[in-house]
Amino acid sequence: MSGLAGTVYNAVLRSNTTMLFTVFGAAFGLQLAFDTGSEKVWDSINKGRQWKDIKQKYMEAPEDDE
């Protein structure tokens, strides 16, 4: 093996522990990226219809009792 395949094998696949950490790290990173991306798409599609967009209309100003 030489080139890129050899480098990947020596860096990641040679040790089970290293491979395990690589798989878990990649899964965590991909989940974070997918969640962030899907939330941005959802927010752009539903802009103006979510509670975070309209709550200022329904929140009452605090009253002064002096």
PDB file of N, CA and C in Angstrom:
ATOM      1  N   MET A   1       0.836  -1.182   0.000  1.00  0.00           N
ATOM      2  CA  MET A   1       0.000   0.000   0.000  1.00  0.00           C
ATOM      3  C   MET A   1       0.882   1.246   0.000  1.00  0.00           C
ATOM      4  N   SER A   2       0.477   2.167  -0.788  1.00  0.00           N
ATOM      5  CA  SER A   2       1.214   3.420  -0.809  1.00  0.00           C
ATOM      6  C   SER A   2       0.250   4.556  -1.121  1.00  0.00           C
ATOM      7  N   GLY A   3       0.716   5.728  -0.899  1.00  0.00           N
ATOM      8  CA  GLY A   3      -0.106   6.892  -1.200  1.00  0.00           C
ATOM      9  C   GLY A   3      -1.166   7.139  -0.146  1.00  0.00           C
ATOM     10  N   LEU A   4      -2.305   7.575  -0.604  1.00  0.00           N
ATOM     11  CA  LEU A   4      -3.394   7.955   0.292  1.00  0.00           C
ATOM     12  C   LEU A   4      -3.936   6.759   1.076  1.00  0.00           C
ATOM     13  N   ALA A   5      -4.093   5.627   0.408  1.00  0.00           N
ATOM     14  CA  ALA A   5      -4.616   4.437   1.088  1.00  0.00           C
ATOM     15  C   ALA A   5      -3.698   4.001   2.223  1.00  0.00           C
ATOM     16  N   GLY A   6      -2.412   4.034   2.003  1.00  0.00           N
ATOM     17  CA  GLY A   6      -1.464   3.662   3.048  1.00  0.00           C
ATOM     18  C   GLY A   6      -1.477   4.634   4.211  1.00  0.00           C
ATOM     19  N   THR A   7      -1.619   5.909   3.911  1.00  0.00           N
ATOM     20  CA  THR A   7      -1.678   6.921   4.960  1.00  0.00           C
ATOM     21  C   THR A   7      -2.929   6.750   5.814  1.00  0.00           C
ATOM     22  N   VAL A   8      -4.065   6.515   5.166  1.00  0.00           N
ATOM     23  CA  VAL A   8      -5.316   6.314   5.905  1.00  0.00           C
ATOM     24  C   VAL A   8      -5.221   5.056   6.759  1.00  0.00           C
ATOM     25  N   TYR A   9      -4.682   3.996   6.206  1.00  0.00           N
ATOM     26  CA  TYR A   9      -4.544   2.757   6.972  1.00  0.00           C
ATOM     27  C   TYR A   9      -3.658   2.967   8.193  1.00  0.00           C
ATOM     28  N   ASN A  10      -2.519   3.596   8.014  1.00  0.00           N
ATOM     29  CA  ASN A  10      -1.595   3.792   9.130  1.00  0.00           C
ATOM     30  C   ASN A  10      -2.147   4.762  10.168  1.00  0.00           C
ATOM     31  N   ALA A  11      -2.920   5.749   9.746  1.00  0.00           N
ATOM     32  CA  ALA A  11      -3.424   6.759  10.676  1.00  0.00           C
ATOM     33  C   ALA A  11      -4.683   6.308  11.405  1.00  0.00           C
ATOM     34  N   VAL A  12      -5.557   5.572  10.728  1.00  0.00           N
ATOM     35  CA  VAL A  12      -6.886   5.312  11.286  1.00  0.00           C
ATOM     36  C   VAL A  12      -7.166   3.830  11.507  1.00  0.00           C
ATOM     37  N   LEU A  13      -6.896   3.004  10.540  1.00  0.00           N
ATOM     38  CA  LEU A  13      -7.386   1.629  10.565  1.00  0.00           C
ATOM     39  C   LEU A  13      -6.461   0.629  11.236  1.00  0.00           C
ATOM     40  N   ARG A  14      -5.269   0.989  11.538  1.00  0.00           N
ATOM     41  CA  ARG A  14      -4.317   0.023  12.103  1.00  0.00           C
ATOM     42  C   ARG A  14      -4.722  -0.394  13.519  1.00  0.00           C
ATOM     43  N   SER A  15      -5.212   0.513  14.312  1.00  0.00           N
ATOM     44  CA  SER A  15      -5.597   0.219  15.693  1.00  0.00           C
ATOM     45  C   SER A  15      -7.119   0.279  15.826  1.00  0.00           C
ATOM     46  N   ASN A  16      -7.679  -0.727  16.504  1.00  0.00           N
ATOM     47  CA  ASN A  16      -9.127  -0.743  16.711  1.00  0.00           C
ATOM     48  C   ASN A  16      -9.596   0.462  17.516  1.00  0.00           C
ATOM     49  N   THR A  17      -8.821   0.853  18.504  1.00  0.00           N
ATOM     50  CA  THR A  17      -9.196   1.988  19.338  1.00  0.00           C
ATOM     51  C   THR A  17      -9.233   3.270  18.530  1.00  0.00           C
ATOM     52  N   THR A  18      -8.232   3.476  17.703  1.00  0.00           N
ATOM     53  CA  THR A  18      -8.196   4.676  16.865  1.00  0.00           C
ATOM     54  C   THR A  18      -9.358   4.673  15.878  1.00  0.00           C
ATOM     55  N   MET A  19      -9.654   3.529  15.306  1.00  0.00           N
ATOM     56  CA  MET A  19     -10.771   3.437  14.369  1.00  0.00           C
ATOM     57  C   MET A  19     -12.090   3.725  15.078  1.00  0.00           C
ATOM     58  N   LEU A  20     -12.257   3.210  16.289  1.00  0.00           N
ATOM     59  CA  LEU A  20     -13.472   3.444  17.058  1.00  0.00           C
ATOM     60  C   LEU A  20     -13.665   4.930  17.336  1.00  0.00           C
ATOM     61  N   PHE A  21     -12.595   5.598  17.791  1.00  0.00           N
ATOM     62  CA  PHE A  21     -12.692   7.031  18.051  1.00  0.00           C
ATOM     63  C   PHE A  21     -12.961   7.815  16.772  1.00  0.00           C
ATOM     64  N   THR A  22     -12.391   7.381  15.659  1.00  0.00           N
ATOM     65  CA  THR A  22     -12.632   8.053  14.384  1.00  0.00           C
ATOM     66  C   THR A  22     -14.086   7.905  13.959  1.00  0.00           C
ATOM     67  N   VAL A  23     -14.629   6.719  14.095  1.00  0.00           N
ATOM     68  CA  VAL A  23     -16.030   6.485  13.714  1.00  0.00           C
ATOM     69  C   VAL A  23     -16.965   7.302  14.602  1.00  0.00           C
ATOM     70  N   PHE A  24     -16.738   7.282  15.936  1.00  0.00           N
ATOM     71  CA  PHE A  24     -17.598   8.057  16.827  1.00  0.00           C
ATOM     72  C   PHE A  24     -17.452   9.553  16.592  1.00  0.00           C
ATOM     73  N   GLY A  25     -16.246  10.012  16.355  1.00  0.00           N
ATOM     74  CA  GLY A  25     -16.036  11.435  16.069  1.00  0.00           C
ATOM     75  C   GLY A  25     -16.704  11.860  14.782  1.00  0.00           C
ATOM     76  N   ALA A  26     -16.592  11.024  13.748  1.00  0.00           N
ATOM     77  CA  ALA A  26     -17.241  11.336  12.479  1.00  0.00           C
ATOM     78  C   ALA A  26     -18.760  11.326  12.621  1.00  0.00           C
ATOM     79  N   ALA A  27     -19.298  10.364  13.360  1.00  0.00           N
ATOM     80  CA  ALA A  27     -20.748  10.304  13.573  1.00  0.00           C
ATOM     81  C   ALA A  27     -21.234  11.533  14.329  1.00  0.00           C
ATOM     82  N   PHE A  28     -20.504  11.940  15.347  1.00  0.00           N
ATOM     83  CA  PHE A  28     -20.879  13.126  16.111  1.00  0.00           C
ATOM     84  C   PHE A  28     -20.842  14.369  15.229  1.00  0.00           C
ATOM     85  N   GLY A  29     -19.784  14.517  14.448  1.00  0.00           N
ATOM     86  CA  GLY A  29     -19.660  15.671  13.567  1.00  0.00           C
ATOM     87  C   GLY A  29     -20.736  15.709  12.498  1.00  0.00           C
ATOM     88  N   LEU A  30     -21.032  14.563  11.897  1.00  0.00           N
ATOM     89  CA  LEU A  30     -22.075  14.512  10.868  1.00  0.00           C
ATOM     90  C   LEU A  30     -23.456  14.787  11.460  1.00  0.00           C
ATOM     91  N   GLN A  31     -23.714  14.286  12.659  1.00  0.00           N
ATOM     92  CA  GLN A  31     -24.997  14.553  13.299  1.00  0.00           C
ATOM     93  C   GLN A  31     -25.154  16.036  13.595  1.00  0.00           C
ATOM     94  N   LEU A  32     -24.107  16.652  14.097  1.00  0.00           N
ATOM     95  CA  LEU A  32     -24.136  18.080  14.393  1.00  0.00           C
ATOM     96  C   LEU A  32     -24.358  18.893  13.121  1.00  0.00           C
ATOM     97  N   ALA A  33     -23.663  18.545  12.056  1.00  0.00           N
ATOM     98  CA  ALA A  33     -23.820  19.255  10.785  1.00  0.00           C
ATOM     99  C   ALA A  33     -25.227  19.060  10.218  1.00  0.00           C
ATOM    100  N   PHE A  34     -25.759  17.846  10.276  1.00  0.00           N
ATOM    101  CA  PHE A  34     -27.096  17.580   9.755  1.00  0.00           C
ATOM    102  C   PHE A  34     -28.154  18.330  10.561  1.00  0.00           C
ATOM    103  N   ASP A  35     -28.050  18.283  11.897  1.00  0.00           N
ATOM    104  CA  ASP A  35     -29.015  18.973  12.752  1.00  0.00           C
ATOM    105  C   ASP A  35     -28.998  20.484  12.516  1.00  0.00           C
ATOM    106  N   THR A  36     -27.806  21.051  12.420  1.00  0.00           N
ATOM    107  CA  THR A  36     -27.693  22.487  12.189  1.00  0.00           C
ATOM    108  C   THR A  36     -28.257  22.864  10.823  1.00  0.00           C
ATOM    109  N   GLY A  37     -27.918  22.101   9.818  1.00  0.00           N
ATOM    110  CA  GLY A  37     -28.412  22.379   8.471  1.00  0.00           C
ATOM    111  C   GLY A  37     -29.916  22.238   8.361  1.00  0.00           C
ATOM    112  N   SER A  38     -30.475  21.170   8.924  1.00  0.00           N
ATOM    113  CA  SER A  38     -31.917  20.977   8.836  1.00  0.00           C
ATOM    114  C   SER A  38     -32.675  22.029   9.642  1.00  0.00           C
ATOM    115  N   GLU A  39     -32.108  22.483  10.758  1.00  0.00           N
ATOM    116  CA  GLU A  39     -32.761  23.544  11.535  1.00  0.00           C
ATOM    117  C   GLU A  39     -32.766  24.865  10.770  1.00  0.00           C
ATOM    118  N   LYS A  40     -31.679  25.162  10.064  1.00  0.00           N
ATOM    119  CA  LYS A  40     -31.628  26.385   9.257  1.00  0.00           C
ATOM    120  C   LYS A  40     -32.642  26.334   8.117  1.00  0.00           C
ATOM    121  N   VAL A  41     -32.780  25.180   7.478  1.00  0.00           N
ATOM    122  CA  VAL A  41     -33.775  25.025   6.411  1.00  0.00           C
ATOM    123  C   VAL A  41     -35.177  25.192   6.980  1.00  0.00           C
ATOM    124  N   TRP A  42     -35.463  24.551   8.112  1.00  0.00           N
ATOM    125  CA  TRP A  42     -36.780  24.646   8.751  1.00  0.00           C
ATOM    126  C   TRP A  42     -37.105  26.096   9.117  1.00  0.00           C
ATOM    127  N   ASP A  43     -36.123  26.798   9.710  1.00  0.00           N
ATOM    128  CA  ASP A  43     -36.341  28.189  10.105  1.00  0.00           C
ATOM    129  C   ASP A  43     -36.576  29.077   8.890  1.00  0.00           C
ATOM    130  N   SER A  44     -35.884  28.833   7.789  1.00  0.00           N
ATOM    131  CA  SER A  44     -36.082  29.672   6.608  1.00  0.00           C
ATOM    132  C   SER A  44     -37.441  29.409   5.959  1.00  0.00           C
ATOM    133  N   ILE A  45     -37.902  28.170   5.978  1.00  0.00           N
ATOM    134  CA  ILE A  45     -39.210  27.847   5.406  1.00  0.00           C
ATOM    135  C   ILE A  45     -40.331  28.430   6.263  1.00  0.00           C
ATOM    136  N   ASN A  46     -40.180  28.408   7.584  1.00  0.00           N
ATOM    137  CA  ASN A  46     -41.238  28.816   8.505  1.00  0.00           C
ATOM    138  C   ASN A  46     -40.990  30.183   9.139  1.00  0.00           C
ATOM    139  N   LYS A  47     -40.248  31.038   8.474  1.00  0.00           N
ATOM    140  CA  LYS A  47     -39.936  32.359   9.025  1.00  0.00           C
ATOM    141  C   LYS A  47     -41.218  33.160   9.220  1.00  0.00           C
ATOM    142  N   GLY A  48     -41.355  33.742  10.413  1.00  0.00           N
ATOM    143  CA  GLY A  48     -42.531  34.537  10.741  1.00  0.00           C
ATOM    144  C   GLY A  48     -43.686  33.753  11.323  1.00  0.00           C
ATOM    145  N   ARG A  49     -43.584  32.446  11.371  1.00  0.00           N
ATOM    146  CA  ARG A  49     -44.674  31.618  11.891  1.00  0.00           C
ATOM    147  C   ARG A  49     -44.292  30.866  13.151  1.00  0.00           C
ATOM    148  N   GLN A  50     -43.099  31.068  13.650  1.00  0.00           N
ATOM    149  CA  GLN A  50     -42.651  30.355  14.842  1.00  0.00           C
ATOM    150  C   GLN A  50     -42.753  31.271  16.057  1.00  0.00           C
ATOM    151  N   TRP A  51     -42.814  30.638  17.226  1.00  0.00           N
ATOM    152  CA  TRP A  51     -42.962  31.386  18.468  1.00  0.00           C
ATOM    153  C   TRP A  51     -41.842  32.398  18.649  1.00  0.00           C
ATOM    154  N   LYS A  52     -40.629  32.028  18.311  1.00  0.00           N
ATOM    155  CA  LYS A  52     -39.506  32.951  18.496  1.00  0.00           C
ATOM    156  C   LYS A  52     -39.638  34.186  17.610  1.00  0.00           C
ATOM    157  N   ASP A  53     -40.407  34.107  16.532  1.00  0.00           N
ATOM    158  CA  ASP A  53     -40.606  35.245  15.642  1.00  0.00           C
ATOM    159  C   ASP A  53     -41.768  36.136  16.078  1.00  0.00           C
ATOM    160  N   ILE A  54     -42.784  35.569  16.761  1.00  0.00           N
ATOM    161  CA  ILE A  54     -43.989  36.340  17.062  1.00  0.00           C
ATOM    162  C   ILE A  54     -44.215  36.583  18.548  1.00  0.00           C
ATOM    163  N   LYS A  55     -43.337  36.120  19.413  1.00  0.00           N
ATOM    164  CA  LYS A  55     -43.603  36.224  20.842  1.00  0.00           C
ATOM    165  C   LYS A  55     -43.644  37.667  21.340  1.00  0.00           C
ATOM    166  N   GLN A  56     -42.948  38.598  20.687  1.00  0.00           N
ATOM    167  CA  GLN A  56     -42.970  39.981  21.149  1.00  0.00           C
ATOM    168  C   GLN A  56     -44.370  40.590  21.011  1.00  0.00           C
ATOM    169  N   LYS A  57     -45.223  40.046  20.131  1.00  0.00           N
ATOM    170  CA  LYS A  57     -46.597  40.542  20.004  1.00  0.00           C
ATOM    171  C   LYS A  57     -47.452  40.159  21.213  1.00  0.00           C
ATOM    172  N   TYR A  58     -47.120  39.036  21.835  1.00  0.00           N
ATOM    173  CA  TYR A  58     -47.965  38.491  22.892  1.00  0.00           C
ATOM    174  C   TYR A  58     -47.413  38.695  24.299  1.00  0.00           C
ATOM    175  N   MET A  59     -46.191  39.117  24.394  1.00  0.00           N
ATOM    176  CA  MET A  59     -45.589  39.360  25.706  1.00  0.00           C
ATOM    177  C   MET A  59     -46.045  40.727  26.215  1.00  0.00           C
ATOM    178  N   GLU A  60     -46.423  40.784  27.480  1.00  0.00           N
ATOM    179  CA  GLU A  60     -46.876  42.030  28.063  1.00  0.00           C
ATOM    180  C   GLU A  60     -45.687  42.784  28.641  1.00  0.00           C
ATOM    181  N   ALA A  61     -45.742  44.107  28.554  1.00  0.00           N
ATOM    182  CA  ALA A  61     -44.693  44.925  29.143  1.00  0.00           C
ATOM    183  C   ALA A  61     -44.881  44.909  30.659  1.00  0.00           C
ATOM    184  N   PRO A  62     -43.810  44.886  31.428  1.00  0.00           N
ATOM    185  CA  PRO A  62     -43.954  44.906  32.892  1.00  0.00           C
ATOM    186  C   PRO A  62     -44.560  46.220  33.377  1.00  0.00           C
ATOM    187  N   GLU A  63     -45.480  46.099  34.323  1.00  0.00           N
ATOM    188  CA  GLU A  63     -46.152  47.292  34.834  1.00  0.00           C
ATOM    189  C   GLU A  63     -45.424  47.805  36.061  1.00  0.00           C
ATOM    190  N   ASP A  64     -45.388  49.133  36.201  1.00  0.00           N
ATOM    191  CA  ASP A  64     -44.786  49.752  37.386  1.00  0.00           C
ATOM    192  C   ASP A  64     -45.912  50.025  38.387  1.00  0.00           C
ATOM    193  N   ASP A  65     -45.735  49.550  39.612  1.00  0.00           N
ATOM    194  CA  ASP A  65     -46.753  49.725  40.660  1.00  0.00           C
ATOM    195  C   ASP A  65     -46.332  50.794  41.658  1.00  0.00           C
ATOM    196  N   GLU A  66     -45.895  51.911  41.194  1.00  0.00           N
ATOM    197  CA  GLU A  66     -45.460  52.964  42.102  1.00  0.00           C
ATOM    198  C   GLU A  66     -46.506  54.011  42.278  1.00  0.00           C
TER     199      GLU A  66
END
